[in-house]
Amino acid sequence: MDVRFPVSREKGRELSAKMAALGICEADLEEIFVRSGGRGGQNVNKTSTCVYLKHRPTGIEVKCQAERSQALNRFLARRMMAEKVAAIVLGIESGRRMEERRILRQKRRRSRKAKEKMLRLKRMRSEKKALRRSPEGE
């Protein structure tokens, strides 16, 4: 990658390798800088630190304003772009989406049959442990 970012060389190489593997080249990216919002104080209000990326071949758009530094946001936007392209091209679910689905599964209420099964297994386990206990008379 011909673009330098304020991250370690290893992270830069990792990103460029991932983008190359997915077929994303810098010429295909449309990059626009806009003013961020939210926290960051005067720096955010006066400078255009938010990065908007569009991958022309796929039409995927990414907007990143996570950091106060424009250069770091450029790196993060490219990383997000690579994840989205991988999700579409390779059919891989992103880590964030997998995490959301895991949390939904955890919060979902159990069915009556599942509750009964869980309680039956707990009862069986307690009975098994009760048999292991030594007799109280000895």
N, C-alpha and C. Protein backbone atom coordinates (compact mmCIF):
# COMPACT_ATOMS: atom_id res chain seq x y z
N MET A 1 0.85 -1.18 0.00
CA MET A 1 0.00 0.00 0.00
C MET A 1 0.89 1.24 0.00
N ASP A 2 0.56 2.17 -0.85
CA ASP A 2 1.38 3.37 -0.95
C ASP A 2 0.98 4.42 0.07
N VAL A 3 -0.09 4.21 0.81
CA VAL A 3 -0.56 5.18 1.80
C VAL A 3 0.03 4.83 3.16
N ARG A 4 0.55 5.83 3.87
CA ARG A 4 1.12 5.61 5.21
C ARG A 4 0.11 6.02 6.27
N PHE A 5 0.00 5.22 7.30
CA PHE A 5 -0.92 5.49 8.40
C PHE A 5 -0.14 5.52 9.71
N PRO A 6 -0.67 6.21 10.71
CA PRO A 6 0.04 6.29 12.00
C PRO A 6 -0.19 5.05 12.87
N VAL A 7 0.06 3.88 12.29
CA VAL A 7 -0.04 2.62 13.03
C VAL A 7 1.25 1.85 12.80
N SER A 8 1.40 0.77 13.52
CA SER A 8 2.62 -0.02 13.37
C SER A 8 2.73 -0.58 11.95
N ARG A 9 3.95 -0.86 11.52
CA ARG A 9 4.17 -1.40 10.18
C ARG A 9 3.44 -2.72 10.00
N GLU A 10 3.41 -3.51 11.07
CA GLU A 10 2.76 -4.81 11.01
C GLU A 10 1.27 -4.65 10.70
N LYS A 11 0.62 -3.71 11.37
CA LYS A 11 -0.81 -3.48 11.12
C LYS A 11 -1.03 -2.95 9.71
N GLY A 12 -0.15 -2.09 9.25
CA GLY A 12 -0.25 -1.57 7.89
C GLY A 12 -0.11 -2.66 6.85
N ARG A 13 0.87 -3.55 7.06
CA ARG A 13 1.07 -4.66 6.13
C ARG A 13 -0.12 -5.62 6.15
N GLU A 14 -0.64 -5.85 7.36
CA GLU A 14 -1.79 -6.74 7.52
C GLU A 14 -2.99 -6.21 6.74
N LEU A 15 -3.24 -4.90 6.87
CA LEU A 15 -4.36 -4.29 6.16
C LEU A 15 -4.16 -4.35 4.65
N SER A 16 -2.96 -4.02 4.19
CA SER A 16 -2.70 -4.02 2.75
C SER A 16 -2.82 -5.44 2.18
N ALA A 17 -2.39 -6.44 2.93
CA ALA A 17 -2.51 -7.83 2.48
C ALA A 17 -3.97 -8.25 2.40
N LYS A 18 -4.75 -7.84 3.40
CA LYS A 18 -6.17 -8.17 3.41
C LYS A 18 -6.90 -7.51 2.24
N MET A 19 -6.56 -6.24 1.99
CA MET A 19 -7.19 -5.52 0.88
C MET A 19 -6.79 -6.14 -0.45
N ALA A 20 -5.54 -6.53 -0.59
CA ALA A 20 -5.08 -7.15 -1.83
C ALA A 20 -5.77 -8.49 -2.05
N ALA A 21 -5.94 -9.25 -0.98
CA ALA A 21 -6.59 -10.56 -1.09
C ALA A 21 -8.05 -10.42 -1.51
N LEU A 22 -8.69 -9.33 -1.08
CA LEU A 22 -10.09 -9.11 -1.43
C LEU A 22 -10.26 -8.38 -2.76
N GLY A 23 -9.15 -7.95 -3.34
CA GLY A 23 -9.21 -7.26 -4.62
C GLY A 23 -9.57 -5.79 -4.51
N ILE A 24 -9.31 -5.19 -3.36
CA ILE A 24 -9.58 -3.77 -3.16
C ILE A 24 -8.28 -3.01 -3.42
N CYS A 25 -8.30 -2.10 -4.38
CA CYS A 25 -7.12 -1.27 -4.62
C CYS A 25 -7.48 0.19 -4.36
N GLU A 26 -6.48 0.97 -4.05
CA GLU A 26 -6.68 2.38 -3.69
C GLU A 26 -7.38 3.16 -4.80
N ALA A 27 -7.15 2.78 -6.05
CA ALA A 27 -7.78 3.49 -7.18
C ALA A 27 -9.30 3.30 -7.19
N ASP A 28 -9.78 2.20 -6.61
CA ASP A 28 -11.22 1.92 -6.57
C ASP A 28 -11.93 2.67 -5.44
N LEU A 29 -11.16 3.26 -4.53
CA LEU A 29 -11.76 3.92 -3.37
C LEU A 29 -11.95 5.42 -3.63
N GLU A 30 -13.12 5.91 -3.28
CA GLU A 30 -13.41 7.34 -3.33
C GLU A 30 -13.38 7.81 -1.88
N GLU A 31 -12.52 8.77 -1.59
CA GLU A 31 -12.31 9.21 -0.21
C GLU A 31 -12.68 10.68 -0.06
N ILE A 32 -13.55 10.97 0.91
CA ILE A 32 -13.97 12.35 1.18
C ILE A 32 -13.79 12.60 2.67
N PHE A 33 -13.33 13.80 3.00
CA PHE A 33 -13.15 14.18 4.39
C PHE A 33 -14.22 15.20 4.76
N VAL A 34 -14.92 14.95 5.86
CA VAL A 34 -15.96 15.85 6.34
C VAL A 34 -15.75 16.11 7.82
N ARG A 35 -16.44 17.10 8.34
CA ARG A 35 -16.29 17.42 9.77
C ARG A 35 -17.00 16.37 10.60
N SER A 36 -16.34 16.01 11.68
CA SER A 36 -16.90 15.03 12.60
C SER A 36 -17.89 15.71 13.53
N GLY A 37 -18.53 14.91 14.34
CA GLY A 37 -19.41 15.42 15.38
C GLY A 37 -19.08 14.72 16.67
N GLY A 38 -19.70 15.13 17.74
CA GLY A 38 -19.52 14.45 19.02
C GLY A 38 -18.30 14.93 19.77
N ARG A 39 -17.71 14.03 20.55
CA ARG A 39 -16.59 14.39 21.41
C ARG A 39 -15.34 14.67 20.61
N GLY A 40 -14.44 15.42 21.19
CA GLY A 40 -13.18 15.75 20.53
C GLY A 40 -12.86 17.22 20.64
N GLY A 41 -13.84 17.98 21.10
CA GLY A 41 -13.60 19.41 21.37
C GLY A 41 -13.37 20.23 20.12
N GLN A 42 -12.54 21.25 20.28
CA GLN A 42 -12.30 22.22 19.22
C GLN A 42 -11.68 21.54 17.99
N ASN A 43 -10.84 20.54 18.19
CA ASN A 43 -10.20 19.84 17.08
C ASN A 43 -11.25 19.26 16.13
N VAL A 44 -12.26 18.63 16.69
CA VAL A 44 -13.30 18.01 15.88
C VAL A 44 -14.14 19.08 15.17
N ASN A 45 -14.41 20.17 15.85
CA ASN A 45 -15.26 21.21 15.27
C ASN A 45 -14.59 21.99 14.15
N LYS A 46 -13.29 22.11 14.18
CA LYS A 46 -12.59 22.96 13.22
C LYS A 46 -11.96 22.20 12.05
N THR A 47 -11.66 20.94 12.23
CA THR A 47 -10.97 20.19 11.18
C THR A 47 -11.86 19.08 10.63
N SER A 48 -11.58 18.65 9.44
CA SER A 48 -12.36 17.57 8.80
C SER A 48 -11.68 16.24 9.11
N THR A 49 -12.03 15.66 10.24
CA THR A 49 -11.38 14.42 10.66
C THR A 49 -12.19 13.18 10.29
N CYS A 50 -13.46 13.35 9.96
CA CYS A 50 -14.30 12.22 9.59
C CYS A 50 -13.96 11.78 8.17
N VAL A 51 -13.85 10.47 7.96
CA VAL A 51 -13.48 9.93 6.66
C VAL A 51 -14.66 9.14 6.09
N TYR A 52 -15.01 9.46 4.86
CA TYR A 52 -16.06 8.76 4.12
C TYR A 52 -15.40 8.03 2.97
N LEU A 53 -15.56 6.72 2.92
CA LEU A 53 -14.97 5.89 1.86
C LEU A 53 -16.08 5.20 1.07
N LYS A 54 -15.90 5.15 -0.24
CA LYS A 54 -16.83 4.41 -1.08
C LYS A 54 -16.03 3.53 -2.01
N HIS A 55 -16.37 2.25 -2.03
CA HIS A 55 -15.73 1.30 -2.94
C HIS A 55 -16.57 1.26 -4.20
N ARG A 56 -16.05 1.83 -5.27
CA ARG A 56 -16.83 2.00 -6.50
C ARG A 56 -17.36 0.69 -7.09
N PRO A 57 -16.54 -0.37 -7.21
CA PRO A 57 -17.05 -1.61 -7.83
C PRO A 57 -18.24 -2.24 -7.10
N THR A 58 -18.22 -2.23 -5.77
CA THR A 58 -19.29 -2.87 -5.00
C THR A 58 -20.34 -1.88 -4.52
N GLY A 59 -20.00 -0.59 -4.45
CA GLY A 59 -20.94 0.42 -3.96
C GLY A 59 -21.02 0.48 -2.45
N ILE A 60 -20.11 -0.18 -1.75
CA ILE A 60 -20.11 -0.19 -0.29
C ILE A 60 -19.59 1.15 0.21
N GLU A 61 -20.28 1.72 1.21
CA GLU A 61 -19.89 3.00 1.79
C GLU A 61 -19.56 2.82 3.27
N VAL A 62 -18.53 3.51 3.72
CA VAL A 62 -18.10 3.45 5.11
C VAL A 62 -17.81 4.86 5.58
N LYS A 63 -18.23 5.17 6.81
CA LYS A 63 -17.95 6.47 7.40
C LYS A 63 -17.33 6.22 8.76
N CYS A 64 -16.16 6.85 9.01
CA CYS A 64 -15.45 6.61 10.27
C CYS A 64 -15.07 7.92 10.92
N GLN A 65 -15.52 8.12 12.17
CA GLN A 65 -15.14 9.28 12.95
C GLN A 65 -14.83 8.85 14.37
N ALA A 66 -14.18 7.70 14.47
CA ALA A 66 -13.90 7.11 15.78
C ALA A 66 -12.82 7.86 16.54
N GLU A 67 -11.84 8.41 15.84
CA GLU A 67 -10.70 9.06 16.49
C GLU A 67 -10.65 10.55 16.15
N ARG A 68 -9.81 11.28 16.87
CA ARG A 68 -9.63 12.71 16.59
C ARG A 68 -8.68 12.95 15.43
N SER A 69 -7.91 11.94 15.08
CA SER A 69 -6.92 12.07 14.02
C SER A 69 -7.49 11.60 12.68
N GLN A 70 -7.34 12.44 11.65
CA GLN A 70 -7.83 12.08 10.33
C GLN A 70 -7.07 10.87 9.78
N ALA A 71 -5.77 10.84 9.99
CA ALA A 71 -4.95 9.75 9.47
C ALA A 71 -5.35 8.41 10.08
N LEU A 72 -5.62 8.41 11.37
CA LEU A 72 -6.04 7.18 12.02
C LEU A 72 -7.43 6.76 11.56
N ASN A 73 -8.31 7.73 11.35
CA ASN A 73 -9.65 7.43 10.83
C ASN A 73 -9.58 6.85 9.42
N ARG A 74 -8.60 7.29 8.63
CA ARG A 74 -8.42 6.75 7.28
C ARG A 74 -8.08 5.26 7.36
N PHE A 75 -7.18 4.92 8.28
CA PHE A 75 -6.80 3.52 8.48
C PHE A 75 -8.00 2.70 8.93
N LEU A 76 -8.73 3.21 9.93
CA LEU A 76 -9.87 2.47 10.48
C LEU A 76 -10.98 2.31 9.44
N ALA A 77 -11.18 3.34 8.60
CA ALA A 77 -12.20 3.25 7.55
C ALA A 77 -11.84 2.16 6.54
N ARG A 78 -10.57 2.06 6.20
CA ARG A 78 -10.14 1.02 5.26
C ARG A 78 -10.31 -0.37 5.88
N ARG A 79 -10.04 -0.46 7.16
CA ARG A 79 -10.22 -1.75 7.84
C ARG A 79 -11.70 -2.14 7.84
N MET A 80 -12.57 -1.16 8.12
CA MET A 80 -14.01 -1.43 8.09
C MET A 80 -14.47 -1.82 6.69
N MET A 81 -13.92 -1.15 5.70
CA MET A 81 -14.26 -1.44 4.31
C MET A 81 -13.87 -2.88 3.96
N ALA A 82 -12.68 -3.29 4.38
CA ALA A 82 -12.22 -4.65 4.10
C ALA A 82 -13.14 -5.68 4.76
N GLU A 83 -13.60 -5.41 5.98
CA GLU A 83 -14.51 -6.33 6.67
C GLU A 83 -15.83 -6.44 5.92
N LYS A 84 -16.35 -5.29 5.46
CA LYS A 84 -17.63 -5.32 4.76
C LYS A 84 -17.52 -6.03 3.42
N VAL A 85 -16.45 -5.79 2.69
CA VAL A 85 -16.26 -6.45 1.40
C VAL A 85 -16.10 -7.95 1.62
N ALA A 86 -15.35 -8.33 2.64
CA ALA A 86 -15.18 -9.76 2.94
C ALA A 86 -16.52 -10.39 3.28
N ALA A 87 -17.35 -9.68 4.03
CA ALA A 87 -18.65 -10.21 4.40
C ALA A 87 -19.52 -10.45 3.17
N ILE A 88 -19.43 -9.55 2.19
CA ILE A 88 -20.26 -9.69 0.99
C ILE A 88 -19.64 -10.67 0.00
N VAL A 89 -18.36 -10.49 -0.30
CA VAL A 89 -17.70 -11.31 -1.32
C VAL A 89 -17.54 -12.75 -0.87
N LEU A 90 -17.05 -12.95 0.34
CA LEU A 90 -16.77 -14.30 0.81
C LEU A 90 -17.93 -14.92 1.57
N GLY A 91 -18.94 -14.11 1.88
CA GLY A 91 -20.08 -14.62 2.61
C GLY A 91 -19.77 -14.88 4.07
N ILE A 92 -18.75 -14.21 4.58
CA ILE A 92 -18.35 -14.40 5.97
C ILE A 92 -19.10 -13.39 6.82
N GLU A 93 -19.65 -13.86 7.94
CA GLU A 93 -20.32 -12.95 8.84
C GLU A 93 -19.28 -12.18 9.63
N SER A 94 -19.49 -10.91 9.78
CA SER A 94 -18.52 -10.09 10.50
C SER A 94 -18.55 -10.45 11.99
N GLY A 95 -17.46 -10.15 12.67
CA GLY A 95 -17.37 -10.44 14.10
C GLY A 95 -18.42 -9.70 14.90
N ARG A 96 -18.69 -8.47 14.51
CA ARG A 96 -19.69 -7.66 15.22
C ARG A 96 -21.07 -8.30 15.10
N ARG A 97 -21.42 -8.76 13.90
CA ARG A 97 -22.73 -9.38 13.68
C ARG A 97 -22.83 -10.68 14.45
N MET A 98 -21.74 -11.45 14.48
CA MET A 98 -21.75 -12.70 15.23
C MET A 98 -21.97 -12.43 16.71
N GLU A 99 -21.33 -11.39 17.22
CA GLU A 99 -21.48 -11.01 18.63
C GLU A 99 -22.92 -10.60 18.93
N GLU A 100 -23.53 -9.82 18.03
CA GLU A 100 -24.93 -9.40 18.21
C GLU A 100 -25.85 -10.61 18.26
N ARG A 101 -25.63 -11.57 17.37
CA ARG A 101 -26.48 -12.77 17.35
C ARG A 101 -26.29 -13.61 18.60
N ARG A 102 -25.06 -13.68 19.11
CA ARG A 102 -24.79 -14.44 20.35
C ARG A 102 -25.55 -13.82 21.51
N ILE A 103 -25.53 -12.49 21.61
CA ILE A 103 -26.22 -11.79 22.70
C ILE A 103 -27.72 -12.00 22.59
N LEU A 104 -28.27 -11.96 21.36
CA LEU A 104 -29.70 -12.21 21.18
C LEU A 104 -30.07 -13.62 21.64
N ARG A 105 -29.23 -14.60 21.32
CA ARG A 105 -29.50 -15.97 21.75
C ARG A 105 -29.49 -16.06 23.28
N GLN A 106 -28.57 -15.36 23.92
CA GLN A 106 -28.49 -15.41 25.38
C GLN A 106 -29.72 -14.78 26.02
N LYS A 107 -30.22 -13.71 25.45
CA LYS A 107 -31.34 -12.98 26.05
C LYS A 107 -32.70 -13.62 25.75
N ARG A 108 -32.75 -14.47 24.74
CA ARG A 108 -34.02 -15.08 24.35
C ARG A 108 -34.57 -15.94 25.49
N ARG A 109 -35.87 -15.88 25.69
CA ARG A 109 -36.49 -16.67 26.75
C ARG A 109 -36.53 -18.13 26.34
N ARG A 110 -36.36 -18.99 27.32
CA ARG A 110 -36.41 -20.42 27.05
C ARG A 110 -37.86 -20.88 26.88
N SER A 111 -38.05 -21.88 26.06
CA SER A 111 -39.38 -22.45 25.90
C SER A 111 -39.71 -23.28 27.14
N ARG A 112 -40.98 -23.62 27.29
CA ARG A 112 -41.41 -24.41 28.45
C ARG A 112 -40.69 -25.76 28.45
N LYS A 113 -40.57 -26.37 27.27
CA LYS A 113 -39.93 -27.67 27.16
C LYS A 113 -38.44 -27.58 27.56
N ALA A 114 -37.78 -26.50 27.14
CA ALA A 114 -36.36 -26.32 27.48
C ALA A 114 -36.19 -26.12 28.98
N LYS A 115 -37.10 -25.36 29.61
CA LYS A 115 -37.03 -25.15 31.06
C LYS A 115 -37.21 -26.47 31.80
N GLU A 116 -38.20 -27.25 31.36
CA GLU A 116 -38.46 -28.54 32.01
C GLU A 116 -37.26 -29.46 31.88
N LYS A 117 -36.64 -29.48 30.71
CA LYS A 117 -35.47 -30.32 30.49
C LYS A 117 -34.32 -29.89 31.40
N MET A 118 -34.11 -28.56 31.50
CA MET A 118 -33.04 -28.04 32.34
C MET A 118 -33.27 -28.42 33.81
N LEU A 119 -34.52 -28.26 34.27
CA LEU A 119 -34.82 -28.59 35.66
C LEU A 119 -34.69 -30.10 35.92
N ARG A 120 -35.10 -30.93 34.94
CA ARG A 120 -34.98 -32.38 35.08
C ARG A 120 -33.50 -32.78 35.21
N LEU A 121 -32.64 -32.15 34.37
CA LEU A 121 -31.20 -32.46 34.45
C LEU A 121 -30.60 -32.02 35.78
N LYS A 122 -31.06 -30.84 36.28
CA LYS A 122 -30.56 -30.38 37.58
C LYS A 122 -30.97 -31.35 38.69
N ARG A 123 -32.22 -31.81 38.64
CA ARG A 123 -32.70 -32.75 39.64
C ARG A 123 -31.89 -34.04 39.62
N MET A 124 -31.63 -34.54 38.41
CA MET A 124 -30.85 -35.77 38.27
C MET A 124 -29.45 -35.59 38.84
N ARG A 125 -28.85 -34.43 38.57
CA ARG A 125 -27.51 -34.15 39.07
C ARG A 125 -27.50 -34.09 40.59
N SER A 126 -28.51 -33.45 41.17
CA SER A 126 -28.55 -33.34 42.63
C SER A 126 -28.76 -34.72 43.27
N GLU A 127 -29.57 -35.56 42.63
CA GLU A 127 -29.78 -36.92 43.16
C GLU A 127 -28.47 -37.72 43.10
N LYS A 128 -27.73 -37.55 42.02
CA LYS A 128 -26.45 -38.25 41.87
C LYS A 128 -25.48 -37.80 42.96
N LYS A 129 -25.46 -36.50 43.26
CA LYS A 129 -24.57 -35.99 44.30
C LYS A 129 -25.02 -36.46 45.67
N ALA A 130 -26.33 -36.56 45.85
CA ALA A 130 -26.85 -37.02 47.15
C ALA A 130 -26.40 -38.45 47.43
N LEU A 131 -26.32 -39.27 46.39
CA LEU A 131 -25.87 -40.66 46.57
C LEU A 131 -24.39 -40.73 46.95
N ARG A 132 -23.62 -39.72 46.57
CA ARG A 132 -22.18 -39.72 46.88
C ARG A 132 -21.90 -39.35 48.34
N ARG A 133 -22.84 -38.63 48.94
CA ARG A 133 -22.63 -38.19 50.32
C ARG A 133 -22.52 -39.39 51.26
N SER A 134 -21.73 -39.20 52.31
CA SER A 134 -21.60 -40.28 53.29
C SER A 134 -22.85 -40.29 54.17
N PRO A 135 -23.21 -41.47 54.67
CA PRO A 135 -24.38 -41.56 55.56
C PRO A 135 -24.15 -40.75 56.83
N GLU A 136 -25.20 -40.11 57.31
CA GLU A 136 -25.07 -39.22 58.46
C GLU A 136 -24.90 -39.97 59.77
N GLY A 137 -25.28 -41.23 59.83
CA GLY A 137 -25.23 -42.02 61.07
C GLY A 137 -23.83 -42.47 61.46
N GLU A 138 -22.88 -42.43 60.59
CA GLU A 138 -21.55 -42.98 60.89
C GLU A 138 -20.67 -42.02 61.59
